[in-house]
Amino acid sequence: MTTEGTTEGLTARSMVEHIAAQGVTHMVTLPDSETNFMYDNMTESGMEVVPIAREGEAIAIAAGLWIANQKPAIMIQNSGLFESGDALRGLGIGIDLPLVMFIGYRGYTRHGDTPDSAAQFLEPFLHTWGTPYWIIETDDELDRISLAFKKAEETSKPVAVLIGAEYVSV
């Protein structure tokens, strides 16, 4: 499988290696068809996977882990981020939570011509909350993960890494 305009895809193993290199202790996530490729890689890396029932819980759980001196990140879909809006405002921004959010960019076509409202509203939603973000589509772009963690630490605010491609198996 190739991603348009690239010769490589996005592999779960490489992505997890880049996340683990940032010292992430816990990944708060709602397991789904996209993140199933990530699960084994995350647990093998020593990262604890914290499954949740609803994506709206992710930021609150991550805040609790951060208060307990851990380094969490969250992995949810774009529609789940919309459900998390009040937690992003009240906890993420409100308590200066340096959180990296990995957001599955469901419906992303890179051309902006998608009928999927979850894709249409994701970037405007992040702009509304003043949340910086990077888009990743291939393993060649995984250095953006360290940029996101650096920005979260510098600003003590949430930042997002948008996953704009499906994972390929390796």
Protein backbone atom coordinates (compact mmCIF):
# COMPACT_ATOMS: atom_id res chain seq x y z
CA MET A 1 0.00 0.00 0.00
CA THR A 2 1.23 3.47 -0.76
CA THR A 3 -0.02 6.82 0.41
CA GLU A 4 -0.68 9.32 -2.40
CA GLY A 5 2.47 11.25 -3.20
CA THR A 6 4.70 9.04 -1.08
CA THR A 7 6.46 5.73 -1.46
CA GLU A 8 5.88 4.58 2.09
CA GLY A 9 2.97 4.23 4.44
CA LEU A 10 2.55 4.68 8.14
CA THR A 11 3.51 1.71 10.30
CA ALA A 12 2.23 1.17 13.81
CA ARG A 13 5.59 -0.14 15.07
CA SER A 14 7.52 2.94 13.90
CA MET A 15 4.91 5.28 15.31
CA VAL A 16 4.97 3.57 18.71
CA GLU A 17 8.78 3.68 18.75
CA HIS A 18 8.65 7.46 18.26
CA ILE A 19 5.99 7.87 20.96
CA ALA A 20 7.87 5.64 23.43
CA ALA A 21 11.07 7.62 22.79
CA GLN A 22 9.27 10.63 24.30
CA GLY A 23 8.92 8.82 27.63
CA VAL A 24 5.16 8.23 27.43
CA THR A 25 4.11 6.03 30.34
CA HIS A 26 0.41 5.60 29.50
CA MET A 27 -1.64 5.73 26.31
CA VAL A 28 -5.27 6.51 27.08
CA THR A 29 -7.38 5.19 24.20
CA LEU A 30 -10.67 3.86 23.02
CA PRO A 31 -9.75 0.70 21.12
CA ASP A 32 -11.01 0.74 17.55
CA SER A 33 -10.19 -0.78 14.16
CA GLU A 34 -7.35 1.68 13.55
CA THR A 35 -5.64 1.43 16.92
CA ASN A 36 -5.75 -2.37 17.02
CA PHE A 37 -2.49 -2.26 15.05
CA MET A 38 -1.02 -0.13 17.81
CA TYR A 39 -2.08 -2.14 20.86
CA ASP A 40 0.55 -4.91 20.78
CA ASN A 41 3.30 -2.47 19.85
CA MET A 42 2.38 -0.16 22.73
CA THR A 43 2.34 -2.92 25.34
CA GLU A 44 5.63 -4.36 24.00
CA SER A 45 7.23 -0.92 24.37
CA GLY A 46 6.46 -0.88 28.10
CA MET A 47 3.75 1.74 27.69
CA GLU A 48 0.62 0.99 29.67
CA VAL A 49 -2.52 1.06 27.57
CA VAL A 50 -5.49 2.55 29.44
CA PRO A 51 -8.71 1.58 27.66
CA ILE A 52 -11.69 3.89 28.08
CA ALA A 53 -15.41 3.48 27.46
CA ARG A 54 -15.99 6.88 25.83
CA GLU A 55 -13.57 9.24 24.17
CA GLY A 56 -14.90 12.10 26.26
CA GLU A 57 -13.12 10.51 29.26
CA ALA A 58 -9.64 10.54 27.68
CA ILE A 59 -8.45 14.01 28.67
CA ALA A 60 -9.74 13.70 32.24
CA ILE A 61 -7.99 10.36 32.72
CA ALA A 62 -4.79 11.74 31.19
CA ALA A 63 -5.00 14.74 33.55
CA GLY A 64 -5.24 12.39 36.53
CA LEU A 65 -2.19 10.45 35.34
CA TRP A 66 -0.26 13.69 34.82
CA ILE A 67 -1.15 14.86 38.34
CA ALA A 68 0.17 11.47 39.55
CA ASN A 69 3.54 12.31 37.96
CA GLN A 70 3.09 10.12 34.87
CA LYS A 71 3.49 11.12 31.21
CA PRO A 72 0.29 10.17 29.39
CA ALA A 73 -0.84 10.72 25.84
CA ILE A 74 -4.23 10.01 24.33
CA MET A 75 -5.25 8.29 21.09
CA ILE A 76 -8.81 8.89 19.87
CA GLN A 77 -10.73 9.58 16.66
CA ASN A 78 -11.65 13.05 15.42
CA SER A 79 -15.32 12.56 16.29
CA GLY A 80 -14.26 11.58 19.81
CA LEU A 81 -12.30 14.80 20.15
CA PHE A 82 -15.52 16.71 19.52
CA GLU A 83 -17.08 14.83 22.46
CA SER A 84 -14.04 15.84 24.50
CA GLY A 85 -14.41 19.56 23.83
CA ASP A 86 -15.36 20.60 27.35
CA ALA A 87 -12.56 18.51 28.86
CA LEU A 88 -10.10 20.07 26.39
CA ARG A 89 -11.25 23.52 27.49
CA GLY A 90 -11.62 22.93 31.22
CA LEU A 91 -8.80 20.51 31.89
CA GLY A 92 -6.38 20.58 29.00
CA ILE A 93 -6.28 24.33 28.60
CA GLY A 94 -7.61 25.21 32.05
CA ILE A 95 -4.95 23.44 34.12
CA ASP A 96 -2.09 23.91 31.64
CA LEU A 97 -1.89 20.21 30.78
CA PRO A 98 1.06 19.44 28.48
CA LEU A 99 -0.79 16.66 26.65
CA VAL A 100 -0.15 15.21 23.22
CA MET A 101 -3.32 13.95 21.60
CA PHE A 102 -3.05 11.49 18.72
CA ILE A 103 -6.21 12.00 16.69
CA GLY A 104 -7.33 9.66 13.93
CA TYR A 105 -8.28 11.97 11.06
CA ARG A 106 -11.23 9.91 9.79
CA GLY A 107 -12.39 11.17 6.39
CA TYR A 108 -9.15 13.03 5.59
CA THR A 109 -8.41 13.14 1.86
CA ARG A 110 -5.72 15.85 1.84
CA HIS A 111 -7.75 17.69 -0.78
CA GLY A 112 -10.48 19.05 1.50
CA ASP A 113 -13.18 17.52 -0.66
CA THR A 114 -14.65 15.10 1.83
CA PRO A 115 -18.33 14.65 2.63
CA ASP A 116 -17.35 13.40 6.11
CA SER A 117 -18.19 16.18 8.59
CA ALA A 118 -15.75 14.72 11.13
CA ALA A 119 -12.94 15.58 8.72
CA GLN A 120 -14.46 18.92 7.70
CA PHE A 121 -14.63 20.21 11.26
CA LEU A 122 -11.45 18.80 12.84
CA GLU A 123 -8.96 21.52 11.94
CA PRO A 124 -11.42 24.39 12.58
CA PHE A 125 -12.20 22.79 15.96
CA LEU A 126 -8.50 22.74 16.87
CA HIS A 127 -8.09 26.35 15.68
CA THR A 128 -11.05 27.38 17.86
CA TRP A 129 -9.30 26.06 20.96
CA GLY A 130 -5.89 27.42 19.89
CA THR A 131 -4.50 23.90 19.72
CA PRO A 132 -1.45 23.49 17.47
CA TYR A 133 -1.26 20.31 15.40
CA TRP A 134 0.82 18.32 12.97
CA ILE A 135 -0.47 15.86 10.35
CA ILE A 136 1.30 12.53 9.84
CA GLU A 137 0.71 10.34 6.79
CA THR A 138 3.98 8.36 6.47
CA ASP A 139 6.85 7.08 8.58
CA ASP A 140 8.98 9.85 7.03
CA GLU A 141 6.91 12.37 9.00
CA LEU A 142 7.19 10.73 12.41
CA ASP A 143 9.73 13.34 13.56
CA ARG A 144 6.66 15.54 14.02
CA ILE A 145 5.87 13.51 17.15
CA SER A 146 8.92 14.92 18.95
CA LEU A 147 7.94 18.42 17.77
CA ALA A 148 4.49 17.94 19.29
CA PHE A 149 5.89 16.82 22.64
CA LYS A 150 8.35 19.72 22.65
CA LYS A 151 5.53 22.20 21.95
CA ALA A 152 3.33 20.68 24.70
CA GLU A 153 6.18 20.97 27.21
CA GLU A 154 7.10 24.54 26.15
CA THR A 155 3.52 25.81 26.34
CA SER A 156 2.04 23.53 29.02
CA LYS A 157 -0.95 23.11 26.70
CA PRO A 158 -2.45 20.28 24.67
CA VAL A 159 -1.25 19.75 21.12
CA ALA A 160 -2.46 17.30 18.49
CA VAL A 161 -0.89 14.89 16.06
CA LEU A 162 -3.42 14.08 13.36
CA ILE A 163 -3.13 10.64 11.82
CA GLY A 164 -4.05 11.21 8.17
CA ALA A 165 -3.41 7.70 6.86
CA GLU A 166 -4.31 4.13 7.70
CA TYR A 167 -1.54 1.98 9.12
CA VAL A 168 0.17 -0.48 6.84
CA SER A 169 1.31 -3.84 8.13
CA VAL A 170 5.02 -4.56 8.21
